Amino acid sequence: MTNAPQHHTPPVALITGASRGLGLALARALAAEGWQLVITARDGAELSAAEAELAAVTKVTALAGSVVDDAHRERLAEASAALGGAALLVNNAGTLNGSDSAAAEPLPRLADFPLPGLLETFEVNVLAPIALTQLVLPQLRAHTGAVLNISSDAAVEAYRGWGGYGASKAALDQASAVLAREEPDVRVWAVDPGGMRTRMLAQAGEDLAGVPLPEEVAPSLLGLVRDRADSGRYRAADLPAASASGAR
């Protein structure tokens, strides 16, 4: 008697900041590999456009909202559980200076950094990823999954104007390293993707000439997932198929 065919539920990835930039590039790459997706971003219109595109490839749940909102994070975890449980959490959402105001200095010196903006920078870039990871960890443990935290070279290099952002990413790096020690069955990666042609880099006033698109960087990060690489901090430029990278 032959055994009945085995039906495996496609793995689930939860991605923050997934409406554009690296988050959307990773969502596209994972969808092409058969992953189900839970995606989130603050801009509902941009997220809906991303959802429509990705839904033609895979099953997608899109929930607009801010990662600093407790109830929103809970909805994201519940949505992942409803699809079968997350096997990958990508903490990609980030803020440069904690402000949505076009009048705000994009890269304030630490001496002049408005404290509400600095607090928001740490809430978005550090606290929210840790809080979302706490909620999703039971799912990740069940699937022997992974956490991919998007870092920056500003976490390890001293660039004028990047103090708040860089300090928050350095804190995220340290949290990632400790989590990897505490959760040996879950892979935890902090990855510096290098400079990319994104809205954030343009907002920072950086020269985008010759800077790779997020779609050129995403395959290198996907390689970590495919190979289940050891936990640790990586530079996309050092990974196979990585594009040339710049600052931040």
C-alpha atoms as a PDB file:
ATOM      1  CA  MET A   1       0.000   0.000   0.000  1.00  0.00           C
ATOM      2  CA  THR A   2       1.406   3.408  -0.956  1.00  0.00           C
ATOM      3  CA  ASN A   3       1.529   6.243   1.481  1.00  0.00           C
ATOM      4  CA  ALA A   4      -0.773   9.185   0.904  1.00  0.00           C
ATOM      5  CA  PRO A   5       0.995  12.295  -0.426  1.00  0.00           C
ATOM      6  CA  GLN A   6       2.167  14.709   2.228  1.00  0.00           C
ATOM      7  CA  HIS A   7       0.713  18.210   2.066  1.00  0.00           C
ATOM      8  CA  HIS A   8       2.950  20.815   3.642  1.00  0.00           C
ATOM      9  CA  THR A   9       1.666  24.269   4.520  1.00  0.00           C
ATOM     10  CA  PRO A  10       3.858  26.937   2.905  1.00  0.00           C
ATOM     11  CA  PRO A  11       6.007  28.786   5.445  1.00  0.00           C
ATOM     12  CA  VAL A  12       4.899  32.167   6.753  1.00  0.00           C
ATOM     13  CA  ALA A  13       6.981  35.350   6.877  1.00  0.00           C
ATOM     14  CA  LEU A  14       5.968  38.456   8.830  1.00  0.00           C
ATOM     15  CA  ILE A  15       7.577  41.596   7.388  1.00  0.00           C
ATOM     16  CA  THR A  16       7.368  45.126   8.781  1.00  0.00           C
ATOM     17  CA  GLY A  17       7.936  48.180   6.623  1.00  0.00           C
ATOM     18  CA  ALA A  18       6.868  46.069   3.645  1.00  0.00           C
ATOM     19  CA  SER A  19       5.157  48.636   1.417  1.00  0.00           C
ATOM     20  CA  ARG A  20       8.359  49.838  -0.272  1.00  0.00           C
ATOM     21  CA  GLY A  21      12.139  49.656  -0.240  1.00  0.00           C
ATOM     22  CA  LEU A  22      13.909  46.617   1.159  1.00  0.00           C
ATOM     23  CA  GLY A  23      10.795  45.327   2.920  1.00  0.00           C
ATOM     24  CA  LEU A  24       8.857  45.103  -0.338  1.00  0.00           C
ATOM     25  CA  ALA A  25      11.867  43.654  -2.170  1.00  0.00           C
ATOM     26  CA  LEU A  26      12.151  40.905   0.449  1.00  0.00           C
ATOM     27  CA  ALA A  27       8.400  40.272   0.302  1.00  0.00           C
ATOM     28  CA  ARG A  28       8.615  39.832  -3.472  1.00  0.00           C
ATOM     29  CA  ALA A  29      11.588  37.481  -3.177  1.00  0.00           C
ATOM     30  CA  LEU A  30       9.943  35.364  -0.484  1.00  0.00           C
ATOM     31  CA  ALA A  31       6.640  35.236  -2.381  1.00  0.00           C
ATOM     32  CA  ALA A  32       8.500  33.943  -5.436  1.00  0.00           C
ATOM     33  CA  GLU A  33       9.891  31.154  -3.226  1.00  0.00           C
ATOM     34  CA  GLY A  34       6.414  30.126  -2.091  1.00  0.00           C
ATOM     35  CA  TRP A  35       6.217  31.851   1.280  1.00  0.00           C
ATOM     36  CA  GLN A  36       2.905  33.099   2.653  1.00  0.00           C
ATOM     37  CA  LEU A  37       3.155  36.671   3.884  1.00  0.00           C
ATOM     38  CA  VAL A  38       1.888  38.949   6.614  1.00  0.00           C
ATOM     39  CA  ILE A  39       2.952  42.472   5.704  1.00  0.00           C
ATOM     40  CA  THR A  40       2.566  45.781   7.438  1.00  0.00           C
ATOM     41  CA  ALA A  41       3.408  49.462   6.954  1.00  0.00           C
ATOM     42  CA  ARG A  42       1.947  52.734   8.112  1.00  0.00           C
ATOM     43  CA  ASP A  43       0.861  54.019   4.698  1.00  0.00           C
ATOM     44  CA  GLY A  44      -2.370  52.189   3.908  1.00  0.00           C
ATOM     45  CA  ALA A  45      -2.447  53.134   0.220  1.00  0.00           C
ATOM     46  CA  GLU A  46       1.120  51.971  -0.422  1.00  0.00           C
ATOM     47  CA  LEU A  47       0.491  48.784   1.549  1.00  0.00           C
ATOM     48  CA  SER A  48      -2.664  48.034  -0.463  1.00  0.00           C
ATOM     49  CA  ALA A  49      -0.692  48.406  -3.690  1.00  0.00           C
ATOM     50  CA  ALA A  50       1.945  45.998  -2.382  1.00  0.00           C
ATOM     51  CA  GLU A  51      -0.756  43.564  -1.273  1.00  0.00           C
ATOM     52  CA  ALA A  52      -2.397  43.580  -4.707  1.00  0.00           C
ATOM     53  CA  GLU A  53       0.912  42.836  -6.393  1.00  0.00           C
ATOM     54  CA  LEU A  54       1.948  40.079  -3.991  1.00  0.00           C
ATOM     55  CA  ALA A  55      -1.501  38.455  -3.861  1.00  0.00           C
ATOM     56  CA  ALA A  56      -1.035  37.460  -7.501  1.00  0.00           C
ATOM     57  CA  VAL A  57       1.853  35.262  -6.361  1.00  0.00           C
ATOM     58  CA  THR A  58       1.039  33.996  -2.870  1.00  0.00           C
ATOM     59  CA  LYS A  59      -1.362  34.257   0.071  1.00  0.00           C
ATOM     60  CA  VAL A  60      -0.992  37.659   1.732  1.00  0.00           C
ATOM     61  CA  THR A  61      -2.452  39.340   4.794  1.00  0.00           C
ATOM     62  CA  ALA A  62      -1.822  43.083   4.864  1.00  0.00           C
ATOM     63  CA  LEU A  63      -2.433  45.131   8.007  1.00  0.00           C
ATOM     64  CA  ALA A  64      -1.716  48.856   7.997  1.00  0.00           C
ATOM     65  CA  GLY A  65      -0.496  50.398  11.234  1.00  0.00           C
ATOM     66  CA  SER A  66       2.463  51.441  13.332  1.00  0.00           C
ATOM     67  CA  VAL A  67       4.811  48.900  14.869  1.00  0.00           C
ATOM     68  CA  VAL A  68       4.956  51.007  18.042  1.00  0.00           C
ATOM     69  CA  ASP A  69       1.250  50.329  18.641  1.00  0.00           C
ATOM     70  CA  ASP A  70       0.727  47.437  21.058  1.00  0.00           C
ATOM     71  CA  ALA A  71      -2.621  46.374  19.609  1.00  0.00           C
ATOM     72  CA  HIS A  72      -1.255  46.458  16.064  1.00  0.00           C
ATOM     73  CA  ARG A  73       1.642  44.173  16.972  1.00  0.00           C
ATOM     74  CA  GLU A  74      -0.835  41.753  18.537  1.00  0.00           C
ATOM     75  CA  ARG A  75      -2.896  41.750  15.333  1.00  0.00           C
ATOM     76  CA  LEU A  76       0.231  40.962  13.322  1.00  0.00           C
ATOM     77  CA  ALA A  77       1.091  38.009  15.552  1.00  0.00           C
ATOM     78  CA  GLU A  78      -2.498  36.748  15.348  1.00  0.00           C
ATOM     79  CA  ALA A  79      -2.501  37.055  11.551  1.00  0.00           C
ATOM     80  CA  SER A  80       0.706  35.033  11.343  1.00  0.00           C
ATOM     81  CA  ALA A  81      -0.745  32.363  13.611  1.00  0.00           C
ATOM     82  CA  ALA A  82      -3.872  32.184  11.451  1.00  0.00           C
ATOM     83  CA  LEU A  83      -1.737  31.288   8.415  1.00  0.00           C
ATOM     84  CA  GLY A  84       0.040  28.531  10.329  1.00  0.00           C
ATOM     85  CA  GLY A  85       2.599  30.408  12.396  1.00  0.00           C
ATOM     86  CA  ALA A  86       5.567  32.544  11.378  1.00  0.00           C
ATOM     87  CA  ALA A  87       8.791  30.813  10.414  1.00  0.00           C
ATOM     88  CA  LEU A  88      10.467  34.162   9.664  1.00  0.00           C
ATOM     89  CA  LEU A  89      10.139  37.610  11.237  1.00  0.00           C
ATOM     90  CA  VAL A  90      11.703  40.497   9.329  1.00  0.00           C
ATOM     91  CA  ASN A  91      12.005  43.629  11.476  1.00  0.00           C
ATOM     92  CA  ASN A  92      12.557  46.127   8.677  1.00  0.00           C
ATOM     93  CA  ALA A  93      10.408  49.133   9.648  1.00  0.00           C
ATOM     94  CA  GLY A  94      12.560  52.052  10.718  1.00  0.00           C
ATOM     95  CA  THR A  95      12.727  55.795  11.152  1.00  0.00           C
ATOM     96  CA  LEU A  96      15.586  58.180  10.537  1.00  0.00           C
ATOM     97  CA  ASN A  97      14.708  60.806  13.135  1.00  0.00           C
ATOM     98  CA  GLY A  98      11.355  59.860  14.659  1.00  0.00           C
ATOM     99  CA  SER A  99       9.482  62.659  12.894  1.00  0.00           C
ATOM    100  CA  ASP A 100       7.009  62.739  10.010  1.00  0.00           C
ATOM    101  CA  SER A 101       7.384  66.486   9.595  1.00  0.00           C
ATOM    102  CA  ALA A 102       8.988  67.632   6.358  1.00  0.00           C
ATOM    103  CA  ALA A 103      10.307  70.610   8.300  1.00  0.00           C
ATOM    104  CA  ALA A 104      12.261  68.413  10.728  1.00  0.00           C
ATOM    105  CA  GLU A 105      16.015  68.201  10.318  1.00  0.00           C
ATOM    106  CA  PRO A 106      16.553  64.771   8.713  1.00  0.00           C
ATOM    107  CA  LEU A 107      19.884  64.208  10.449  1.00  0.00           C
ATOM    108  CA  PRO A 108      19.946  66.315  13.616  1.00  0.00           C
ATOM    109  CA  ARG A 109      23.159  66.588  15.594  1.00  0.00           C
ATOM    110  CA  LEU A 110      22.927  64.916  18.981  1.00  0.00           C
ATOM    111  CA  ALA A 111      23.291  68.333  20.637  1.00  0.00           C
ATOM    112  CA  ASP A 112      20.098  69.475  18.903  1.00  0.00           C
ATOM    113  CA  PHE A 113      18.115  66.237  18.564  1.00  0.00           C
ATOM    114  CA  PRO A 114      14.549  66.910  19.777  1.00  0.00           C
ATOM    115  CA  LEU A 115      13.993  64.418  22.578  1.00  0.00           C
ATOM    116  CA  PRO A 116      10.490  63.385  21.452  1.00  0.00           C
ATOM    117  CA  GLY A 117      11.959  62.483  18.062  1.00  0.00           C
ATOM    118  CA  LEU A 118      14.861  60.646  19.658  1.00  0.00           C
ATOM    119  CA  LEU A 119      12.453  58.665  21.834  1.00  0.00           C
ATOM    120  CA  GLU A 120      10.363  57.774  18.775  1.00  0.00           C
ATOM    121  CA  THR A 121      13.517  56.710  16.923  1.00  0.00           C
ATOM    122  CA  PHE A 122      14.351  54.218  19.665  1.00  0.00           C
ATOM    123  CA  GLU A 123      10.722  53.082  19.954  1.00  0.00           C
ATOM    124  CA  VAL A 124      10.489  52.305  16.223  1.00  0.00           C
ATOM    125  CA  ASN A 125      13.997  50.977  15.659  1.00  0.00           C
ATOM    126  CA  VAL A 126      14.593  49.040  18.890  1.00  0.00           C
ATOM    127  CA  LEU A 127      11.611  48.634  21.217  1.00  0.00           C
ATOM    128  CA  ALA A 128       9.073  47.668  18.547  1.00  0.00           C
ATOM    129  CA  PRO A 129      11.266  44.942  17.006  1.00  0.00           C
ATOM    130  CA  ILE A 130      11.935  43.470  20.448  1.00  0.00           C
ATOM    131  CA  ALA A 131       8.251  43.650  21.407  1.00  0.00           C
ATOM    132  CA  LEU A 132       7.100  42.054  18.143  1.00  0.00           C
ATOM    133  CA  THR A 133       9.737  39.359  18.484  1.00  0.00           C
ATOM    134  CA  GLN A 134       8.421  38.555  21.978  1.00  0.00           C
ATOM    135  CA  LEU A 135       4.936  38.013  20.564  1.00  0.00           C
ATOM    136  CA  VAL A 136       6.052  35.901  17.608  1.00  0.00           C
ATOM    137  CA  LEU A 137       8.747  33.835  19.356  1.00  0.00           C
ATOM    138  CA  PRO A 138       6.411  30.936  20.229  1.00  0.00           C
ATOM    139  CA  GLN A 139       5.621  30.577  16.520  1.00  0.00           C
ATOM    140  CA  LEU A 140       9.276  30.866  15.530  1.00  0.00           C
ATOM    141  CA  ARG A 141      10.289  28.253  18.102  1.00  0.00           C
ATOM    142  CA  ALA A 142       7.613  25.862  16.819  1.00  0.00           C
ATOM    143  CA  HIS A 143       8.918  26.214  13.261  1.00  0.00           C
ATOM    144  CA  THR A 144      12.622  26.387  14.192  1.00  0.00           C
ATOM    145  CA  GLY A 145      12.429  29.751  12.488  1.00  0.00           C
ATOM    146  CA  ALA A 146      14.458  32.928  12.221  1.00  0.00           C
ATOM    147  CA  VAL A 147      14.495  36.645  13.004  1.00  0.00           C
ATOM    148  CA  LEU A 148      16.025  39.032  10.480  1.00  0.00           C
ATOM    149  CA  ASN A 149      16.706  42.454  11.984  1.00  0.00           C
ATOM    150  CA  ILE A 150      17.718  45.159   9.517  1.00  0.00           C
ATOM    151  CA  SER A 151      20.714  47.048  10.866  1.00  0.00           C
ATOM    152  CA  SER A 152      23.037  49.660   9.363  1.00  0.00           C
ATOM    153  CA  ASP A 153      26.699  50.513   9.123  1.00  0.00           C
ATOM    154  CA  ALA A 154      25.728  53.596  11.151  1.00  0.00           C
ATOM    155  CA  ALA A 155      25.503  51.159  14.081  1.00  0.00           C
ATOM    156  CA  VAL A 156      29.277  50.675  14.035  1.00  0.00           C
ATOM    157  CA  GLU A 157      30.605  53.800  12.269  1.00  0.00           C
ATOM    158  CA  ALA A 158      30.491  57.365  13.618  1.00  0.00           C
ATOM    159  CA  TYR A 159      28.825  59.558  10.978  1.00  0.00           C
ATOM    160  CA  ARG A 160      27.919  63.153  11.770  1.00  0.00           C
ATOM    161  CA  GLY A 161      24.159  63.494  12.017  1.00  0.00           C
ATOM    162  CA  TRP A 162      23.536  59.761  12.298  1.00  0.00           C
ATOM    163  CA  GLY A 163      23.901  59.575  16.095  1.00  0.00           C
ATOM    164  CA  GLY A 164      20.285  58.890  17.012  1.00  0.00           C
ATOM    165  CA  TYR A 165      19.657  56.447  14.172  1.00  0.00           C
ATOM    166  CA  GLY A 166      23.037  54.779  14.573  1.00  0.00           C
ATOM    167  CA  ALA A 167      22.685  54.409  18.334  1.00  0.00           C
ATOM    168  CA  SER A 168      19.270  52.795  17.881  1.00  0.00           C
ATOM    169  CA  LYS A 169      20.665  50.336  15.338  1.00  0.00           C
ATOM    170  CA  ALA A 170      23.605  49.557  17.635  1.00  0.00           C
ATOM    171  CA  ALA A 171      21.085  48.729  20.360  1.00  0.00           C
ATOM    172  CA  LEU A 172      19.202  46.505  17.910  1.00  0.00           C
ATOM    173  CA  ASP A 173      22.473  44.729  17.053  1.00  0.00           C
ATOM    174  CA  GLN A 174      23.152  44.019  20.719  1.00  0.00           C
ATOM    175  CA  ALA A 175      19.598  42.839  21.331  1.00  0.00           C
ATOM    176  CA  SER A 176      19.930  40.523  18.320  1.00  0.00           C
ATOM    177  CA  ALA A 177      23.179  39.054  19.638  1.00  0.00           C
ATOM    178  CA  VAL A 178      21.710  38.409  23.082  1.00  0.00           C
ATOM    179  CA  LEU A 179      18.531  36.901  21.633  1.00  0.00           C
ATOM    180  CA  ALA A 180      20.654  34.519  19.576  1.00  0.00           C
ATOM    181  CA  ARG A 181      22.336  33.308  22.778  1.00  0.00           C
ATOM    182  CA  GLU A 182      19.033  32.946  24.586  1.00  0.00           C
ATOM    183  CA  GLU A 183      17.206  31.208  21.706  1.00  0.00           C
ATOM    184  CA  PRO A 184      19.684  28.681  20.259  1.00  0.00           C
ATOM    185  CA  ASP A 185      17.015  26.925  18.179  1.00  0.00           C
ATOM    186  CA  VAL A 186      16.015  30.174  16.439  1.00  0.00           C
ATOM    187  CA  ARG A 187      18.339  31.872  13.980  1.00  0.00           C
ATOM    188  CA  VAL A 188      18.803  35.586  14.695  1.00  0.00           C
ATOM    189  CA  TRP A 189      20.492  37.766  12.088  1.00  0.00           C
ATOM    190  CA  ALA A 190      21.302  41.467  12.216  1.00  0.00           C
ATOM    191  CA  VAL A 191      22.132  42.544   8.678  1.00  0.00           C
ATOM    192  CA  ASP A 192      23.628  45.767   7.400  1.00  0.00           C
ATOM    193  CA  PRO A 193      22.199  45.941   3.875  1.00  0.00           C
ATOM    194  CA  GLY A 194      24.459  48.794   2.814  1.00  0.00           C
ATOM    195  CA  GLY A 195      23.298  51.894   1.004  1.00  0.00           C
ATOM    196  CA  MET A 196      20.235  51.393  -1.170  1.00  0.00           C
ATOM    197  CA  ARG A 197      18.187  53.615  -3.451  1.00  0.00           C
ATOM    198  CA  THR A 198      15.415  54.193  -0.924  1.00  0.00           C
ATOM    199  CA  ARG A 199      13.255  57.067   0.243  1.00  0.00           C
ATOM    200  CA  MET A 200      15.063  57.074   3.586  1.00  0.00           C
ATOM    201  CA  LEU A 201      18.492  57.529   2.011  1.00  0.00           C
ATOM    202  CA  ALA A 202      17.114  60.286  -0.215  1.00  0.00           C
ATOM    203  CA  GLN A 203      15.593  61.952   2.859  1.00  0.00           C
ATOM    204  CA  ALA A 204      19.025  61.851   4.469  1.00  0.00           C
ATOM    205  CA  GLY A 205      20.400  63.849   1.556  1.00  0.00           C
ATOM    206  CA  GLU A 206      22.764  61.104   0.410  1.00  0.00           C
ATOM    207  CA  ASP A 207      23.912  60.828  -3.205  1.00  0.00           C
ATOM    208  CA  LEU A 208      21.977  57.943  -4.760  1.00  0.00           C
ATOM    209  CA  ALA A 209      24.157  57.732  -7.879  1.00  0.00           C
ATOM    210  CA  GLY A 210      25.488  54.213  -8.264  1.00  0.00           C
ATOM    211  CA  VAL A 211      23.637  53.005  -5.173  1.00  0.00           C
ATOM    212  CA  PRO A 212      21.955  49.614  -5.706  1.00  0.00           C
ATOM    213  CA  LEU A 213      18.224  49.098  -5.687  1.00  0.00           C
ATOM    214  CA  PRO A 214      16.753  47.113  -2.780  1.00  0.00           C
ATOM    215  CA  GLU A 215      15.891  44.376  -5.289  1.00  0.00           C
ATOM    216  CA  GLU A 216      19.627  43.925  -5.883  1.00  0.00           C
ATOM    217  CA  VAL A 217      20.301  43.459  -2.167  1.00  0.00           C
ATOM    218  CA  ALA A 218      17.346  41.242  -1.240  1.00  0.00           C
ATOM    219  CA  PRO A 219      18.772  38.025  -2.801  1.00  0.00           C
ATOM    220  CA  SER A 220      21.760  38.174  -0.457  1.00  0.00           C
ATOM    221  CA  LEU A 221      19.491  38.374   2.575  1.00  0.00           C
ATOM    222  CA  LEU A 222      17.280  35.622   1.200  1.00  0.00           C
ATOM    223  CA  GLY A 223      20.396  33.470   1.046  1.00  0.00           C
ATOM    224  CA  LEU A 224      20.658  33.604   4.841  1.00  0.00           C
ATOM    225  CA  VAL A 225      17.138  32.196   5.079  1.00  0.00           C
ATOM    226  CA  ARG A 226      17.701  29.519   2.445  1.00  0.00           C
ATOM    227  CA  ASP A 227      20.991  28.354   3.978  1.00  0.00           C
ATOM    228  CA  ARG A 228      19.838  28.797   7.581  1.00  0.00           C
ATOM    229  CA  ALA A 229      23.116  30.553   8.246  1.00  0.00           C
ATOM    230  CA  ASP A 230      24.485  30.794  11.762  1.00  0.00           C
ATOM    231  CA  SER A 231      23.088  33.563  13.930  1.00  0.00           C
ATOM    232  CA  GLY A 232      25.187  36.705  13.839  1.00  0.00           C
ATOM    233  CA  ARG A 233      25.737  40.124  12.320  1.00  0.00           C
ATOM    234  CA  TYR A 234      26.301  40.243   8.571  1.00  0.00           C
ATOM    235  CA  ARG A 235      27.006  42.812   5.869  1.00  0.00           C
ATOM    236  CA  ALA A 236      25.051  42.211   2.672  1.00  0.00           C
ATOM    237  CA  ALA A 237      28.196  43.148   0.732  1.00  0.00           C
ATOM    238  CA  ASP A 238      29.949  40.116   2.224  1.00  0.00           C
ATOM    239  CA  LEU A 239      27.185  37.671   1.364  1.00  0.00           C
ATOM    240  CA  PRO A 240      26.928  35.709  -1.899  1.00  0.00           C
ATOM    241  CA  ALA A 241      25.295  37.668  -4.736  1.00  0.00           C
ATOM    242  CA  ALA A 242      25.601  40.875  -2.730  1.00  0.00           C
ATOM    243  CA  SER A 243      25.682  44.121  -4.658  1.00  0.00           C
ATOM    244  CA  ALA A 244      28.205  46.831  -4.045  1.00  0.00           C
ATOM    245  CA  SER A 245      27.036  48.802  -1.024  1.00  0.00           C
ATOM    246  CA  GLY A 246      27.521  52.292   0.248  1.00  0.00           C
ATOM    247  CA  ALA A 247      26.982  54.027   3.543  1.00  0.00           C
ATOM    248  CA  ARG A 248      23.931  53.643   5.784  1.00  0.00           C
END
